[in-house]
């Protein structure tokens, strides 16, 4: 690792066709390498089926690699995402925990389609399936792509505003894992848990403080400071949160697709130099 790790071009948050991205692990590795990424992690939603392919592709392109996953949890009635990095992807505890988390997606998707049918959008479940690489991981993103293709909206943000957020026809809540479970799966399998894109959650100050407090109490050790959906002001805000709670900082684009994502792989600003990069804590787990 370099002498000043904070200047490393690490991208530790992105998605492939194994969950809700549009590129294969191999295509993502090629894109990351072309964009100068030096340390990479594939973090599909609640799924680690692409890890061996991603690690092999990273090696082929001369990048270093960390195992990854983005786990959906429910906290204070909201869905929060916890990124796991550097864990043993062969550990049955992680595999079973993620399988249990995935199980609710199919019934939820059918309920979403029923809600959309009530406002005249028929065939949404079948339409969404066309965009799914792994049917067990069908999600709102796949419905959004169908609704854009079918001409109901001009882009995926419009779909979410009109149809797929709370109070809209296609919204169905889901009970995910709890925070303690997700952090425990990651840490007991040798990895580090990271709160993903905290600026996206609609928590008040008290709820956000509770999230970070409980996360750290359960053994969580990192937070995404620089990520695709954060504004420059949020880089500063969550750098401050990292300092306050003694958390390591992570960096990741949350890249899903060339046509949809906030920013490309490897295109983010570097981490603030005074923070501890999460990869410093995972030096022995880097492949």
C-alpha atoms as a PDB file:
ATOM      1  CA  UNK A   1       0.000   0.000   0.000  1.00  0.00           C
ATOM      2  CA  UNK A   2       1.187   3.574  -0.633  1.00  0.00           C
ATOM      3  CA  UNK A   3       2.785   5.645   2.132  1.00  0.00           C
ATOM      4  CA  UNK A   4      -0.219   8.021   2.183  1.00  0.00           C
ATOM      5  CA  UNK A   5      -3.179   5.664   1.697  1.00  0.00           C
ATOM      6  CA  UNK A   6      -5.745   8.468   1.645  1.00  0.00           C
ATOM      7  CA  UNK A   7      -4.632   9.365  -1.872  1.00  0.00           C
ATOM      8  CA  UNK A   8      -5.277   5.823  -3.142  1.00  0.00           C
ATOM      9  CA  UNK A   9      -7.849   5.608  -5.943  1.00  0.00           C
ATOM     10  CA  UNK A  10     -10.039   3.023  -4.223  1.00  0.00           C
ATOM     11  CA  UNK A  11     -13.585   2.291  -5.360  1.00  0.00           C
ATOM     12  CA  UNK A  12     -15.216   0.096  -2.734  1.00  0.00           C
ATOM     13  CA  UNK A  13     -18.888   0.298  -3.715  1.00  0.00           C
ATOM     14  CA  UNK A  14     -20.405  -0.782  -7.046  1.00  0.00           C
ATOM     15  CA  UNK A  15     -22.911  -3.263  -8.471  1.00  0.00           C
ATOM     16  CA  UNK A  16     -22.961  -5.853 -11.235  1.00  0.00           C
ATOM     17  CA  UNK A  17     -25.661  -7.864 -13.009  1.00  0.00           C
ATOM     18  CA  UNK A  18     -25.487 -10.243 -10.049  1.00  0.00           C
ATOM     19  CA  UNK A  19     -27.701  -7.699  -8.247  1.00  0.00           C
ATOM     20  CA  UNK A  20     -29.025  -4.514  -9.885  1.00  0.00           C
ATOM     21  CA  UNK A  21     -26.152  -3.303 -12.047  1.00  0.00           C
ATOM     22  CA  UNK A  22     -26.070  -3.603 -15.833  1.00  0.00           C
ATOM     23  CA  UNK A  23     -22.446  -4.723 -16.328  1.00  0.00           C
ATOM     24  CA  UNK A  24     -20.837  -8.065 -15.546  1.00  0.00           C
ATOM     25  CA  UNK A  25     -18.114  -8.287 -12.895  1.00  0.00           C
ATOM     26  CA  UNK A  26     -15.583  -8.580 -15.722  1.00  0.00           C
ATOM     27  CA  UNK A  27     -16.917  -5.473 -17.473  1.00  0.00           C
ATOM     28  CA  UNK A  28     -16.843  -3.529 -14.218  1.00  0.00           C
ATOM     29  CA  UNK A  29     -13.240  -4.557 -13.591  1.00  0.00           C
ATOM     30  CA  UNK A  30     -12.232  -3.418 -17.053  1.00  0.00           C
ATOM     31  CA  UNK A  31     -14.001  -0.072 -16.586  1.00  0.00           C
ATOM     32  CA  UNK A  32     -12.516   0.450 -13.131  1.00  0.00           C
ATOM     33  CA  UNK A  33      -9.010  -0.302 -14.370  1.00  0.00           C
ATOM     34  CA  UNK A  34      -9.404   2.016 -17.353  1.00  0.00           C
ATOM     35  CA  UNK A  35     -10.447   4.779 -14.933  1.00  0.00           C
ATOM     36  CA  UNK A  36      -7.358   4.350 -12.773  1.00  0.00           C
ATOM     37  CA  UNK A  37      -8.836   2.402  -9.865  1.00  0.00           C
ATOM     38  CA  UNK A  38      -6.065   0.781  -7.817  1.00  0.00           C
ATOM     39  CA  UNK A  39      -8.131  -1.013  -5.161  1.00  0.00           C
ATOM     40  CA  UNK A  40     -11.587  -2.297  -6.029  1.00  0.00           C
ATOM     41  CA  UNK A  41     -14.520  -4.110  -4.407  1.00  0.00           C
ATOM     42  CA  UNK A  42     -17.713  -5.434  -5.968  1.00  0.00           C
ATOM     43  CA  UNK A  43     -20.536  -4.898  -3.467  1.00  0.00           C
ATOM     44  CA  UNK A  44     -23.705  -6.410  -4.900  1.00  0.00           C
ATOM     45  CA  UNK A  45     -26.910  -6.135  -2.878  1.00  0.00           C
ATOM     46  CA  UNK A  46     -27.310  -9.035  -0.435  1.00  0.00           C
ATOM     47  CA  UNK A  47     -25.351 -11.307  -2.771  1.00  0.00           C
ATOM     48  CA  UNK A  48     -21.780 -12.564  -3.029  1.00  0.00           C
ATOM     49  CA  UNK A  49     -22.169 -14.778  -6.088  1.00  0.00           C
ATOM     50  CA  UNK A  50     -19.947 -12.518  -8.199  1.00  0.00           C
ATOM     51  CA  UNK A  51     -16.977 -12.409  -5.843  1.00  0.00           C
ATOM     52  CA  UNK A  52     -14.745 -15.042  -7.423  1.00  0.00           C
ATOM     53  CA  UNK A  53     -15.276 -13.570 -10.893  1.00  0.00           C
ATOM     54  CA  UNK A  54     -14.600 -10.039  -9.632  1.00  0.00           C
ATOM     55  CA  UNK A  55     -11.415 -11.038  -7.823  1.00  0.00           C
ATOM     56  CA  UNK A  56     -10.085 -12.875 -10.867  1.00  0.00           C
ATOM     57  CA  UNK A  57     -10.940  -9.962 -13.162  1.00  0.00           C
ATOM     58  CA  UNK A  58      -9.277  -7.478 -10.794  1.00  0.00           C
ATOM     59  CA  UNK A  59      -6.108  -9.562 -10.796  1.00  0.00           C
ATOM     60  CA  UNK A  60      -6.175  -9.776 -14.596  1.00  0.00           C
ATOM     61  CA  UNK A  61      -6.293  -5.967 -14.799  1.00  0.00           C
ATOM     62  CA  UNK A  62      -3.584  -5.416 -12.191  1.00  0.00           C
ATOM     63  CA  UNK A  63      -5.918  -4.094  -9.489  1.00  0.00           C
ATOM     64  CA  UNK A  64      -5.935  -5.129  -5.864  1.00  0.00           C
ATOM     65  CA  UNK A  65      -9.250  -6.471  -4.561  1.00  0.00           C
ATOM     66  CA  UNK A  66     -11.399  -6.673  -1.434  1.00  0.00           C
ATOM     67  CA  UNK A  67     -14.444  -8.897  -1.110  1.00  0.00           C
ATOM     68  CA  UNK A  68     -17.643  -6.902  -0.708  1.00  0.00           C
ATOM     69  CA  UNK A  69     -21.412  -6.903  -0.272  1.00  0.00           C
ATOM     70  CA  UNK A  70     -24.063  -4.287   0.456  1.00  0.00           C
ATOM     71  CA  UNK A  71     -26.506  -5.606   3.035  1.00  0.00           C
ATOM     72  CA  UNK A  72     -30.005  -4.170   3.455  1.00  0.00           C
ATOM     73  CA  UNK A  73     -31.065  -3.573   7.053  1.00  0.00           C
ATOM     74  CA  UNK A  74     -34.062  -1.961   8.701  1.00  0.00           C
ATOM     75  CA  UNK A  75     -33.307   0.742  11.253  1.00  0.00           C
ATOM     76  CA  UNK A  76     -35.883   3.108  12.784  1.00  0.00           C
ATOM     77  CA  UNK A  77     -38.357   2.087  10.104  1.00  0.00           C
ATOM     78  CA  UNK A  78     -36.021   2.960   7.224  1.00  0.00           C
ATOM     79  CA  UNK A  79     -33.888   0.841   4.928  1.00  0.00           C
ATOM     80  CA  UNK A  80     -30.195   1.395   5.610  1.00  0.00           C
ATOM     81  CA  UNK A  81     -27.334  -0.191   3.677  1.00  0.00           C
ATOM     82  CA  UNK A  82     -24.267  -1.663   5.348  1.00  0.00           C
ATOM     83  CA  UNK A  83     -21.275  -2.432   3.149  1.00  0.00           C
ATOM     84  CA  UNK A  84     -19.128  -5.354   4.225  1.00  0.00           C
ATOM     85  CA  UNK A  85     -15.507  -5.377   3.055  1.00  0.00           C
ATOM     86  CA  UNK A  86     -12.725  -7.940   3.346  1.00  0.00           C
ATOM     87  CA  UNK A  87     -14.814 -10.806   4.729  1.00  0.00           C
ATOM     88  CA  UNK A  88     -14.448 -14.500   3.883  1.00  0.00           C
ATOM     89  CA  UNK A  89     -16.983 -14.999   1.077  1.00  0.00           C
ATOM     90  CA  UNK A  90     -16.869 -18.779   1.615  1.00  0.00           C
ATOM     91  CA  UNK A  91     -18.001 -18.547   5.245  1.00  0.00           C
ATOM     92  CA  UNK A  92     -21.414 -20.279   5.575  1.00  0.00           C
ATOM     93  CA  UNK A  93     -22.576 -17.746   8.171  1.00  0.00           C
ATOM     94  CA  UNK A  94     -22.371 -14.943   5.637  1.00  0.00           C
ATOM     95  CA  UNK A  95     -23.910 -17.052   2.885  1.00  0.00           C
ATOM     96  CA  UNK A  96     -26.882 -18.063   5.048  1.00  0.00           C
ATOM     97  CA  UNK A  97     -27.468 -14.572   6.389  1.00  0.00           C
ATOM     98  CA  UNK A  98     -27.595 -13.105   2.895  1.00  0.00           C
ATOM     99  CA  UNK A  99     -29.842 -15.910   1.649  1.00  0.00           C
ATOM    100  CA  UNK A 100     -32.308 -15.159   4.438  1.00  0.00           C
ATOM    101  CA  UNK A 101     -32.234 -11.451   3.545  1.00  0.00           C
ATOM    102  CA  UNK A 102     -32.912 -12.158  -0.135  1.00  0.00           C
ATOM    103  CA  UNK A 103     -35.905 -14.403   0.484  1.00  0.00           C
ATOM    104  CA  UNK A 104     -38.399 -11.565   0.847  1.00  0.00           C
ATOM    105  CA  UNK A 105     -37.652  -9.861  -2.479  1.00  0.00           C
ATOM    106  CA  UNK A 106     -39.834 -12.074  -4.708  1.00  0.00           C
ATOM    107  CA  UNK A 107     -43.119 -11.630  -2.806  1.00  0.00           C
ATOM    108  CA  UNK A 108     -42.370  -7.928  -2.391  1.00  0.00           C
ATOM    109  CA  UNK A 109     -41.854  -7.555  -6.172  1.00  0.00           C
ATOM    110  CA  UNK A 110     -45.225  -9.164  -6.914  1.00  0.00           C
ATOM    111  CA  UNK A 111     -46.923  -6.775  -4.485  1.00  0.00           C
ATOM    112  CA  UNK A 112     -45.204  -3.863  -6.225  1.00  0.00           C
ATOM    113  CA  UNK A 113     -46.557  -5.067  -9.584  1.00  0.00           C
ATOM    114  CA  UNK A 114     -50.055  -5.344  -8.132  1.00  0.00           C
ATOM    115  CA  UNK A 115     -49.873  -1.747  -6.922  1.00  0.00           C
ATOM    116  CA  UNK A 116     -48.734  -0.525 -10.320  1.00  0.00           C
ATOM    117  CA  UNK A 117     -51.501  -2.497 -12.058  1.00  0.00           C
ATOM    118  CA  UNK A 118     -54.082  -0.614  -9.987  1.00  0.00           C
ATOM    119  CA  UNK A 119     -52.985   2.628 -11.674  1.00  0.00           C
ATOM    120  CA  UNK A 120     -53.008   1.125 -15.152  1.00  0.00           C
ATOM    121  CA  UNK A 121     -49.428  -0.152 -15.495  1.00  0.00           C
ATOM    122  CA  UNK A 122     -49.846  -3.828 -16.320  1.00  0.00           C
ATOM    123  CA  UNK A 123     -47.165  -6.476 -16.762  1.00  0.00           C
ATOM    124  CA  UNK A 124     -44.665  -4.694 -14.510  1.00  0.00           C
ATOM    125  CA  UNK A 125     -43.387  -7.857 -12.818  1.00  0.00           C
ATOM    126  CA  UNK A 126     -42.680  -9.586 -16.109  1.00  0.00           C
ATOM    127  CA  UNK A 127     -41.252  -6.375 -17.526  1.00  0.00           C
ATOM    128  CA  UNK A 128     -38.906  -5.925 -14.564  1.00  0.00           C
ATOM    129  CA  UNK A 129     -37.706  -9.522 -14.866  1.00  0.00           C
ATOM    130  CA  UNK A 130     -36.231  -8.694 -18.286  1.00  0.00           C
ATOM    131  CA  UNK A 131     -33.694  -6.495 -16.514  1.00  0.00           C
ATOM    132  CA  UNK A 132     -32.842  -8.982 -13.753  1.00  0.00           C
ATOM    133  CA  UNK A 133     -29.654 -11.018 -13.867  1.00  0.00           C
ATOM    134  CA  UNK A 134     -30.606 -12.849 -10.665  1.00  0.00           C
ATOM    135  CA  UNK A 135     -34.401 -13.232 -10.101  1.00  0.00           C
ATOM    136  CA  UNK A 136     -33.841 -13.661  -6.341  1.00  0.00           C
ATOM    137  CA  UNK A 137     -32.603 -10.052  -6.275  1.00  0.00           C
ATOM    138  CA  UNK A 138     -35.413  -8.326  -8.174  1.00  0.00           C
ATOM    139  CA  UNK A 139     -35.630  -4.753  -6.873  1.00  0.00           C
ATOM    140  CA  UNK A 140     -37.151  -1.328  -7.402  1.00  0.00           C
ATOM    141  CA  UNK A 141     -34.312  -0.505  -9.788  1.00  0.00           C
ATOM    142  CA  UNK A 142     -35.447  -3.241 -12.163  1.00  0.00           C
ATOM    143  CA  UNK A 143     -39.020  -1.941 -12.076  1.00  0.00           C
ATOM    144  CA  UNK A 144     -37.702   1.547 -12.761  1.00  0.00           C
ATOM    145  CA  UNK A 145     -35.830   0.391 -15.858  1.00  0.00           C
ATOM    146  CA  UNK A 146     -38.994  -1.286 -17.166  1.00  0.00           C
ATOM    147  CA  UNK A 147     -41.110   1.821 -16.598  1.00  0.00           C
ATOM    148  CA  UNK A 148     -38.598   3.960 -18.497  1.00  0.00           C
ATOM    149  CA  UNK A 149     -38.423   1.467 -21.370  1.00  0.00           C
ATOM    150  CA  UNK A 150     -42.217   1.321 -21.519  1.00  0.00           C
ATOM    151  CA  UNK A 151     -42.416   5.107 -21.757  1.00  0.00           C
ATOM    152  CA  UNK A 152     -44.139   5.799 -18.451  1.00  0.00           C
ATOM    153  CA  UNK A 153     -41.268   8.047 -17.304  1.00  0.00           C
ATOM    154  CA  UNK A 154     -38.274   9.703 -18.942  1.00  0.00           C
ATOM    155  CA  UNK A 155     -35.674   8.371 -16.472  1.00  0.00           C
ATOM    156  CA  UNK A 156     -35.315   6.327 -13.308  1.00  0.00           C
ATOM    157  CA  UNK A 157     -35.356   9.286 -10.870  1.00  0.00           C
ATOM    158  CA  UNK A 158     -38.790  10.241 -12.245  1.00  0.00           C
ATOM    159  CA  UNK A 159     -39.987   6.661 -11.738  1.00  0.00           C
ATOM    160  CA  UNK A 160     -38.966   6.706  -8.097  1.00  0.00           C
ATOM    161  CA  UNK A 161     -40.639  10.092  -7.516  1.00  0.00           C
ATOM    162  CA  UNK A 162     -43.920   9.049  -9.126  1.00  0.00           C
ATOM    163  CA  UNK A 163     -44.250   5.363  -8.366  1.00  0.00           C
ATOM    164  CA  UNK A 164     -41.688   3.719  -6.088  1.00  0.00           C
ATOM    165  CA  UNK A 165     -41.281   5.804  -2.939  1.00  0.00           C
ATOM    166  CA  UNK A 166     -43.403   5.732   0.192  1.00  0.00           C
ATOM    167  CA  UNK A 167     -47.006   6.668  -0.494  1.00  0.00           C
ATOM    168  CA  UNK A 168     -46.756   5.963  -4.238  1.00  0.00           C
ATOM    169  CA  UNK A 169     -48.558   3.109  -6.087  1.00  0.00           C
ATOM    170  CA  UNK A 170     -45.591   0.758  -6.493  1.00  0.00           C
ATOM    171  CA  UNK A 171     -44.029   1.180  -3.068  1.00  0.00           C
ATOM    172  CA  UNK A 172     -43.946  -1.862  -0.788  1.00  0.00           C
ATOM    173  CA  UNK A 173     -41.793  -1.769   2.369  1.00  0.00           C
ATOM    174  CA  UNK A 174     -39.607  -4.726   3.216  1.00  0.00           C
ATOM    175  CA  UNK A 175     -38.300  -5.935   6.540  1.00  0.00           C
ATOM    176  CA  UNK A 176     -34.619  -6.619   6.080  1.00  0.00           C
ATOM    177  CA  UNK A 177     -32.024  -7.918   8.511  1.00  0.00           C
ATOM    178  CA  UNK A 178     -31.426  -5.883  11.644  1.00  0.00           C
ATOM    179  CA  UNK A 179     -28.337  -3.760  12.129  1.00  0.00           C
ATOM    180  CA  UNK A 180     -26.719  -6.043  14.681  1.00  0.00           C
ATOM    181  CA  UNK A 181     -27.136  -9.118  12.474  1.00  0.00           C
ATOM    182  CA  UNK A 182     -25.551  -7.488   9.409  1.00  0.00           C
ATOM    183  CA  UNK A 183     -22.575  -6.113  11.336  1.00  0.00           C
ATOM    184  CA  UNK A 184     -22.105  -9.468  13.079  1.00  0.00           C
ATOM    185  CA  UNK A 185     -22.109 -11.471   9.822  1.00  0.00           C
ATOM    186  CA  UNK A 186     -19.430  -9.210   8.389  1.00  0.00           C
ATOM    187  CA  UNK A 187     -17.172  -9.046  11.426  1.00  0.00           C
ATOM    188  CA  UNK A 188     -17.375 -12.731  12.389  1.00  0.00           C
ATOM    189  CA  UNK A 189     -16.293 -13.554   8.820  1.00  0.00           C
ATOM    190  CA  UNK A 190     -13.177 -11.402   9.157  1.00  0.00           C
ATOM    191  CA  UNK A 191     -14.423  -8.220   7.477  1.00  0.00           C
ATOM    192  CA  UNK A 192     -15.258  -4.643   8.370  1.00  0.00           C
ATOM    193  CA  UNK A 193     -18.748  -3.126   8.361  1.00  0.00           C
ATOM    194  CA  UNK A 194     -19.244   0.308   6.788  1.00  0.00           C
ATOM    195  CA  UNK A 195     -22.348   2.513   6.784  1.00  0.00           C
ATOM    196  CA  UNK A 196     -23.082   3.206   3.108  1.00  0.00           C
ATOM    197  CA  UNK A 197     -23.978   6.694   1.794  1.00  0.00           C
ATOM    198  CA  UNK A 198     -25.323   8.075   5.102  1.00  0.00           C
ATOM    199  CA  UNK A 199     -26.403  11.313   3.439  1.00  0.00           C
ATOM    200  CA  UNK A 200     -29.204   9.459   1.676  1.00  0.00           C
ATOM    201  CA  UNK A 201     -31.146   8.481   4.786  1.00  0.00           C
ATOM    202  CA  UNK A 202     -34.043  10.665   5.912  1.00  0.00           C
ATOM    203  CA  UNK A 203     -33.147  10.651   9.572  1.00  0.00           C
ATOM    204  CA  UNK A 204     -33.302  13.603  11.926  1.00  0.00           C
ATOM    205  CA  UNK A 205     -30.232  14.408  13.991  1.00  0.00           C
ATOM    206  CA  UNK A 206     -31.317  12.207  16.907  1.00  0.00           C
ATOM    207  CA  UNK A 207     -32.028   9.204  14.679  1.00  0.00           C
ATOM    208  CA  UNK A 208     -28.749   9.593  12.822  1.00  0.00           C
ATOM    209  CA  UNK A 209     -26.829   9.772  16.099  1.00  0.00           C
ATOM    210  CA  UNK A 210     -28.616   6.610  17.235  1.00  0.00           C
ATOM    211  CA  UNK A 211     -27.688   4.859  13.980  1.00  0.00           C
ATOM    212  CA  UNK A 212     -23.997   5.620  14.340  1.00  0.00           C
ATOM    213  CA  UNK A 213     -23.986   4.870  18.061  1.00  0.00           C
ATOM    214  CA  UNK A 214     -25.649   1.471  17.674  1.00  0.00           C
ATOM    215  CA  UNK A 215     -23.557   0.654  14.615  1.00  0.00           C
ATOM    216  CA  UNK A 216     -20.342   1.241  16.525  1.00  0.00           C
ATOM    217  CA  UNK A 217     -21.636  -0.597  19.600  1.00  0.00           C
ATOM    218  CA  UNK A 218     -22.274  -3.682  17.451  1.00  0.00           C
ATOM    219  CA  UNK A 219     -18.729  -3.582  16.073  1.00  0.00           C
ATOM    220  CA  UNK A 220     -19.117  -1.384  12.985  1.00  0.00           C
ATOM    221  CA  UNK A 221     -15.874   0.372  12.064  1.00  0.00           C
ATOM    222  CA  UNK A 222     -16.345   2.495   8.944  1.00  0.00           C
ATOM    223  CA  UNK A 223     -18.470   5.043   7.105  1.00  0.00           C
ATOM    224  CA  UNK A 224     -18.611   6.077   3.450  1.00  0.00           C
ATOM    225  CA  UNK A 225     -17.453   9.666   3.432  1.00  0.00           C
ATOM    226  CA  UNK A 226     -16.898  10.147  -0.293  1.00  0.00           C
ATOM    227  CA  UNK A 227     -19.564   8.389  -2.351  1.00  0.00           C
ATOM    228  CA  UNK A 228     -21.475   8.980  -5.555  1.00  0.00           C
ATOM    229  CA  UNK A 229     -24.655  10.402  -4.009  1.00  0.00           C
ATOM    230  CA  UNK A 230     -22.930  12.734  -1.524  1.00  0.00           C
ATOM    231  CA  UNK A 231     -22.506  16.441  -2.180  1.00  0.00           C
ATOM    232  CA  UNK A 232     -19.220  18.211  -1.411  1.00  0.00           C
ATOM    233  CA  UNK A 233     -20.871  19.553   1.742  1.00  0.00           C
ATOM    234  CA  UNK A 234     -21.706  15.989   2.779  1.00  0.00           C
ATOM    235  CA  UNK A 235     -18.093  14.937   2.243  1.00  0.00           C
ATOM    236  CA  UNK A 236     -17.226  17.481   4.921  1.00  0.00           C
ATOM    237  CA  UNK A 237     -20.184  16.544   7.150  1.00  0.00           C
ATOM    238  CA  UNK A 238     -19.456  12.825   7.201  1.00  0.00           C
ATOM    239  CA  UNK A 239     -15.725  13.352   7.553  1.00  0.00           C
ATOM    240  CA  UNK A 240     -16.723  15.080  10.776  1.00  0.00           C
ATOM    241  CA  UNK A 241     -18.941  12.146  11.761  1.00  0.00           C
ATOM    242  CA  UNK A 242     -16.047   9.755  11.125  1.00  0.00           C
ATOM    243  CA  UNK A 243     -13.862  11.810  13.453  1.00  0.00           C
ATOM    244  CA  UNK A 244     -16.587  12.080  16.108  1.00  0.00           C
ATOM    245  CA  UNK A 245     -17.257   8.351  16.241  1.00  0.00           C
ATOM    246  CA  UNK A 246     -13.705   7.195  15.586  1.00  0.00           C
ATOM    247  CA  UNK A 247     -14.650   5.452  12.345  1.00  0.00           C
ATOM    248  CA  UNK A 248     -12.471   4.688   9.344  1.00  0.00           C
ATOM    249  CA  UNK A 249     -13.452   6.350   6.079  1.00  0.00           C
ATOM    250  CA  UNK A 250     -14.453   4.596   2.881  1.00  0.00           C
ATOM    251  CA  UNK A 251     -14.771   5.758  -0.717  1.00  0.00           C
ATOM    252  CA  UNK A 252     -17.000   4.283  -3.424  1.00  0.00           C
ATOM    253  CA  UNK A 253     -18.920   5.441  -6.471  1.00  0.00           C
ATOM    254  CA  UNK A 254     -22.027   3.235  -5.954  1.00  0.00           C
ATOM    255  CA  UNK A 255     -21.799   2.699  -9.721  1.00  0.00           C
ATOM    256  CA  UNK A 256     -24.669   0.698 -11.268  1.00  0.00           C
ATOM    257  CA  UNK A 257     -24.758   1.535 -14.964  1.00  0.00           C
ATOM    258  CA  UNK A 258     -23.090   3.895 -17.453  1.00  0.00           C
ATOM    259  CA  UNK A 259     -26.405   5.631 -18.124  1.00  0.00           C
ATOM    260  CA  UNK A 260     -27.775   5.852 -14.598  1.00  0.00           C
ATOM    261  CA  UNK A 261     -25.068   6.460 -12.038  1.00  0.00           C
ATOM    262  CA  UNK A 262     -24.166   9.704 -10.263  1.00  0.00           C
ATOM    263  CA  UNK A 263     -20.505   9.230 -11.083  1.00  0.00           C
ATOM    264  CA  UNK A 264     -18.230   6.753 -12.797  1.00  0.00           C
ATOM    265  CA  UNK A 265     -15.975   4.182 -11.198  1.00  0.00           C
ATOM    266  CA  UNK A 266     -12.830   5.790  -9.817  1.00  0.00           C
ATOM    267  CA  UNK A 267     -14.016   9.354 -10.496  1.00  0.00           C
ATOM    268  CA  UNK A 268     -14.576  10.545  -6.918  1.00  0.00           C
ATOM    269  CA  UNK A 269     -12.449  13.045  -4.975  1.00  0.00           C
ATOM    270  CA  UNK A 270      -9.885  11.526  -2.630  1.00  0.00           C
ATOM    271  CA  UNK A 271     -10.566  11.052   1.061  1.00  0.00           C
ATOM    272  CA  UNK A 272      -9.547  13.848   3.437  1.00  0.00           C
ATOM    273  CA  UNK A 273      -5.947  13.167   4.427  1.00  0.00           C
ATOM    274  CA  UNK A 274      -6.494  13.188   8.188  1.00  0.00           C
ATOM    275  CA  UNK A 275      -8.976  10.308   8.162  1.00  0.00           C
ATOM    276  CA  UNK A 276      -8.030   6.650   8.510  1.00  0.00           C
ATOM    277  CA  UNK A 277      -8.878   4.897   5.226  1.00  0.00           C
ATOM    278  CA  UNK A 278     -10.829   1.696   5.763  1.00  0.00           C
ATOM    279  CA  UNK A 279      -8.318  -0.232   3.663  1.00  0.00           C
ATOM    280  CA  UNK A 280      -5.621   0.465   6.260  1.00  0.00           C
ATOM    281  CA  UNK A 281      -7.592  -1.794   8.599  1.00  0.00           C
ATOM    282  CA  UNK A 282      -7.896  -4.466   5.908  1.00  0.00           C
ATOM    283  CA  UNK A 283      -4.306  -4.675   4.663  1.00  0.00           C
ATOM    284  CA  UNK A 284      -4.133  -8.396   5.378  1.00  0.00           C
ATOM    285  CA  UNK A 285      -7.416  -9.031   3.524  1.00  0.00           C
ATOM    286  CA  UNK A 286      -6.482  -7.351   0.242  1.00  0.00           C
ATOM    287  CA  UNK A 287      -6.048  -9.807  -2.617  1.00  0.00           C
END
